[in-house]
Amino acid sequence: MKWKKLLSFAIVTVLVFSVLVAFVSPTRADEEGTPIDEINFQVTFEMSDGAAAAAEGDVHLFMHSVDGPVYQGLPGDFLAALDTWDVFGTYNSYLINPAHEGSGTPEALEAETEEWIEDPADFRYLANNVDGDWTVNPFAHNDIRFAFQYLNREEMVEDLLEGFGLPRYGAMAANIPMWEEVFEEPIREGYDMSPEGDWARVEWMVEEAMNEIAERYRSAN
C-alpha cells in the first residue's frame, strides 16, 4: 500500500479507516523577533479555505486536521507553501446488523402457534421484515460477520480513502500506545489476519455458515 501525507487506520468490526492532515504556514517560521504577546483566532467552515489562508500567509497556523483527498486537491502553489505533519486519532468502522427476531414478538408467537418453529433457538437467524415476510439475516451468524475480518483492508484504504489511511484490526486509535503493545500483534497473529486479507477464507466461511443455516431450517420444516 502506498504511503501518502497521512497515517490513519482501518478497523474491522467489519472495517475501518480515517484520514487526517495538519497544515502550518512556514511564514516567518525561521525568523527571529520579539516574543509573541497576542494570538488572534479566525474561524472557517471549509478545510480548503483554512488551508488556503495558511498557504497565502493570512494565518500562521491552520490548527485542524484535513482529509487527505482535500489536501491532495489543493493547487500546486498552495502545496509548495505549506508544511504539514502527520496526525493520528480517528478511525472508521462498519457496523453489520446482526439482529434476528426476538422470541416474544407477535410474529414469533404466531410462528410458534402454527408450529413451523418449535424451538426458540430457531429464531436465531430469522427476521420478520417490514413487509411481514420471514427472511434469513445471514449476518446474525457470527461466522459470517467474522468472515469480513478477512477482507482486503489495503484495497479498502485505496478505494475508499484514496490511500490516506492504514489498515487496522480493532476499534482503537493509533495514538493509544496500548494498541500496539497489547492488542495489535495478538489480534493479527492469533486470528491470522493481514492487510491484504484472504478472500478464499471469506468465501469458505460464508459458504459453511450458510449451509448450516439452510440445514437448520430444512430440519425445522
Protein backbone atom coordinates (compact mmCIF):
# COMPACT_ATOMS: atom_id res chain seq x y z
CA MET A 1 0.00 0.00 0.00
CA LYS A 2 1.35 3.41 -0.86
CA TRP A 3 2.10 5.84 1.92
CA LYS A 4 0.92 9.38 1.38
CA LYS A 5 0.63 12.51 3.50
CA LEU A 6 -1.15 10.90 6.35
CA LEU A 7 -1.27 7.95 8.65
CA SER A 8 -4.53 6.53 9.79
CA PHE A 9 -6.11 3.17 10.27
CA ALA A 10 -8.71 0.74 9.16
CA ILE A 11 -10.70 -1.09 11.72
CA VAL A 12 -12.82 -4.04 11.45
CA THR A 13 -15.96 -4.64 13.21
CA VAL A 14 -16.18 -5.05 9.86
CA LEU A 15 -13.67 -2.47 8.81
CA VAL A 16 -12.13 0.90 9.48
CA PHE A 17 -10.32 3.87 8.16
CA SER A 18 -9.81 7.53 8.53
CA VAL A 19 -7.53 10.28 7.29
CA LEU A 20 -6.14 13.40 8.81
CA VAL A 21 -3.66 16.06 7.68
CA ALA A 22 -2.49 19.19 9.51
CA PHE A 23 -1.20 22.39 7.95
CA VAL A 24 1.19 25.04 9.16
CA SER A 25 2.32 28.10 7.23
CA PRO A 26 6.11 28.49 7.01
CA THR A 27 5.74 32.28 7.07
CA ARG A 28 8.35 33.74 9.45
CA ALA A 29 8.95 30.27 10.87
CA ASP A 30 12.75 30.76 10.81
CA GLU A 31 12.84 34.49 11.55
CA GLU A 32 13.95 35.85 14.88
CA GLY A 33 11.87 38.54 16.52
CA THR A 34 10.10 39.68 19.64
CA PRO A 35 8.16 37.16 21.69
CA ILE A 36 4.51 36.71 20.75
CA ASP A 37 2.26 38.74 23.01
CA GLU A 38 -1.00 38.40 21.09
CA ILE A 39 -2.76 35.49 19.38
CA ASN A 40 -5.67 36.08 17.01
CA PHE A 41 -8.11 33.33 16.07
CA GLN A 42 -10.17 33.11 12.91
CA VAL A 43 -12.94 30.63 12.11
CA THR A 44 -13.53 28.93 8.77
CA PHE A 45 -16.09 26.33 7.85
CA GLU A 46 -14.22 24.76 4.95
CA MET A 47 -10.96 22.77 5.18
CA SER A 48 -9.80 24.12 1.83
CA ASP A 49 -10.37 27.73 2.94
CA GLY A 50 -8.31 27.23 6.07
CA ALA A 51 -5.51 25.64 4.09
CA ALA A 52 -5.60 28.48 1.57
CA ALA A 53 -5.33 31.08 4.34
CA ALA A 54 -2.24 29.34 5.70
CA ALA A 55 -0.70 28.98 2.24
CA GLU A 56 -1.20 32.67 1.47
CA GLY A 57 0.22 33.78 4.82
CA ASP A 58 -3.04 35.21 6.14
CA VAL A 59 -2.68 32.92 9.15
CA HIS A 60 0.42 31.25 10.51
CA LEU A 61 -1.26 28.03 11.53
CA PHE A 62 -4.34 26.20 10.38
CA MET A 63 -4.93 24.25 13.55
CA HIS A 64 -7.20 21.50 12.27
CA SER A 65 -6.76 18.13 10.68
CA VAL A 66 -7.65 17.90 6.99
CA ASP A 67 -8.79 14.91 4.98
CA GLY A 68 -6.12 13.54 2.66
CA PRO A 69 -8.17 13.91 -0.54
CA VAL A 70 -8.85 17.57 0.34
CA TYR A 71 -5.13 18.19 0.82
CA GLN A 72 -4.27 16.36 -2.39
CA GLY A 73 -6.76 18.51 -4.31
CA LEU A 74 -5.19 21.85 -3.34
CA PRO A 75 -3.43 23.89 -6.05
CA GLY A 76 0.26 23.18 -6.52
CA ASP A 77 1.35 26.64 -5.32
CA PHE A 78 -0.58 26.12 -2.08
CA LEU A 79 1.06 22.74 -1.52
CA ALA A 80 4.50 24.28 -2.07
CA ALA A 81 3.79 26.94 0.57
CA LEU A 82 2.57 24.55 3.26
CA ASP A 83 4.37 22.48 5.84
CA THR A 84 2.49 19.50 7.24
CA TRP A 85 2.74 16.86 9.89
CA ASP A 86 1.02 13.53 10.27
CA VAL A 87 -1.70 13.26 12.88
CA PHE A 88 -3.44 10.29 14.44
CA GLY A 89 -6.57 9.82 16.43
CA THR A 90 -9.54 8.77 14.34
CA TYR A 91 -10.88 5.66 12.67
CA ASN A 92 -13.90 4.50 10.70
CA SER A 93 -15.71 1.25 11.23
CA TYR A 94 -18.57 -0.57 9.58
CA LEU A 95 -21.44 -1.93 11.62
CA ILE A 96 -23.18 -5.04 10.34
CA ASN A 97 -26.65 -5.58 11.72
CA PRO A 98 -26.74 -8.97 13.50
CA ALA A 99 -30.37 -8.64 14.63
CA HIS A 100 -32.77 -11.56 14.49
CA GLU A 101 -36.39 -11.93 15.55
CA GLY A 102 -36.98 -11.95 19.29
CA SER A 103 -38.78 -14.98 20.66
CA GLY A 104 -41.54 -12.83 22.22
CA THR A 105 -42.68 -10.75 19.25
CA PRO A 106 -46.20 -11.25 17.81
CA GLU A 107 -44.67 -12.68 14.62
CA ALA A 108 -42.61 -15.14 16.61
CA LEU A 109 -45.58 -16.20 18.74
CA GLU A 110 -47.63 -16.79 15.60
CA ALA A 111 -44.87 -18.95 14.11
CA GLU A 112 -44.74 -20.99 17.32
CA THR A 113 -48.55 -21.35 17.34
CA GLU A 114 -48.52 -22.60 13.77
CA GLU A 115 -45.71 -24.96 14.86
CA TRP A 116 -43.38 -24.27 11.99
CA ILE A 117 -40.98 -23.05 14.67
CA GLU A 118 -40.78 -25.33 17.68
CA ASP A 119 -37.55 -24.26 19.35
CA PRO A 120 -36.99 -20.56 20.23
CA ALA A 121 -33.36 -21.09 19.22
CA ASP A 122 -34.59 -21.47 15.64
CA PHE A 123 -35.22 -17.73 15.52
CA ARG A 124 -31.52 -17.02 15.82
CA TYR A 125 -31.05 -16.40 12.08
CA LEU A 126 -34.58 -15.30 11.15
CA ALA A 127 -36.17 -11.86 10.92
CA ASN A 128 -39.66 -10.68 10.00
CA ASN A 129 -39.16 -7.79 7.59
CA VAL A 130 -41.20 -4.62 7.05
CA ASP A 131 -43.45 -6.43 4.58
CA GLY A 132 -44.29 -9.08 7.16
CA ASP A 133 -42.28 -11.76 5.38
CA TRP A 134 -39.89 -14.11 7.10
CA THR A 135 -36.33 -13.95 5.86
CA VAL A 136 -32.86 -15.02 6.89
CA ASN A 137 -30.44 -12.41 8.14
CA PRO A 138 -27.10 -14.06 7.30
CA PHE A 139 -25.26 -11.51 9.45
CA ALA A 140 -26.97 -12.95 12.50
CA HIS A 141 -24.49 -15.80 12.12
CA ASN A 142 -21.28 -14.97 13.97
CA ASP A 143 -19.05 -16.78 11.45
CA ILE A 144 -20.39 -14.67 8.57
CA ARG A 145 -19.77 -11.46 10.47
CA PHE A 146 -16.30 -12.60 11.41
CA ALA A 147 -15.53 -13.60 7.82
CA PHE A 148 -15.45 -9.91 6.96
CA GLN A 149 -12.35 -9.58 9.11
CA TYR A 150 -10.50 -11.22 6.20
CA LEU A 151 -11.48 -8.67 3.56
CA ASN A 152 -8.66 -6.81 1.86
CA ARG A 153 -8.10 -3.73 4.03
CA GLU A 154 -5.41 -2.38 1.72
CA GLU A 155 -7.88 -2.19 -1.18
CA MET A 156 -10.45 -0.54 1.04
CA VAL A 157 -7.96 2.13 2.10
CA GLU A 158 -7.07 2.79 -1.53
CA ASP A 159 -10.63 2.72 -2.87
CA LEU A 160 -12.47 4.48 -0.05
CA LEU A 161 -9.77 6.77 1.38
CA GLU A 162 -7.74 7.35 -1.76
CA GLY A 163 -4.72 5.89 0.00
CA PHE A 164 -4.86 8.18 3.04
CA GLY A 165 -5.06 5.59 5.76
CA LEU A 166 -3.67 2.41 7.26
CA PRO A 167 -5.36 -0.95 7.87
CA ARG A 168 -6.42 -1.63 11.44
CA TYR A 169 -7.70 -4.71 13.25
CA GLY A 170 -9.77 -3.17 16.02
CA ALA A 171 -11.60 -0.07 17.23
CA MET A 172 -8.72 1.73 18.89
CA ALA A 173 -6.96 4.87 17.70
CA ALA A 174 -3.35 4.72 16.55
CA ASN A 175 -2.23 7.29 19.11
CA ILE A 176 -3.01 4.96 22.03
CA PRO A 177 0.25 3.14 22.96
CA MET A 178 -1.68 0.21 24.39
CA TRP A 179 -2.90 -0.65 20.88
CA GLU A 180 0.45 -1.82 19.54
CA GLU A 181 1.77 -3.00 22.90
CA VAL A 182 -1.18 -5.17 23.91
CA PHE A 183 -3.67 -5.67 21.09
CA GLU A 184 -2.32 -5.43 17.55
CA GLU A 185 0.08 -8.38 17.47
CA PRO A 186 -2.15 -10.82 19.42
CA ILE A 187 -5.10 -9.99 17.17
CA ARG A 188 -3.12 -10.19 13.94
CA GLU A 189 -1.27 -13.39 14.81
CA GLY A 190 -4.00 -15.03 16.88
CA TYR A 191 -6.53 -14.82 14.06
CA ASP A 192 -4.10 -14.95 11.14
CA MET A 193 -5.12 -11.53 9.81
CA SER A 194 -3.23 -9.42 7.30
CA PRO A 195 -3.74 -6.12 5.46
CA GLU A 196 -4.21 -7.93 2.15
CA GLY A 197 -6.85 -10.26 3.63
CA ASP A 198 -7.83 -13.73 2.46
CA TRP A 199 -10.78 -13.79 0.06
CA ALA A 200 -10.78 -17.58 -0.21
CA ARG A 201 -11.28 -17.79 3.55
CA VAL A 202 -14.14 -15.27 3.37
CA GLU A 203 -15.91 -17.37 0.76
CA TRP A 204 -15.34 -20.61 2.67
CA MET A 205 -16.58 -19.21 6.00
CA VAL A 206 -19.69 -17.69 4.43
CA GLU A 207 -20.50 -20.87 2.50
CA GLU A 208 -20.10 -23.07 5.59
CA ALA A 209 -22.29 -20.77 7.68
CA MET A 210 -25.00 -20.53 5.01
CA ASN A 211 -25.07 -24.30 4.70
CA GLU A 212 -25.52 -24.52 8.47
CA ILE A 213 -28.40 -22.04 8.34
CA ALA A 214 -30.03 -23.90 5.44
CA GLU A 215 -29.76 -27.22 7.27
CA ARG A 216 -31.31 -25.76 10.44
CA TYR A 217 -34.44 -24.58 8.63
CA ARG A 218 -34.60 -27.61 6.38
CA SER A 219 -34.81 -29.70 9.54
CA ALA A 220 -37.34 -27.33 11.11
CA ASN A 221 -39.68 -27.74 8.17
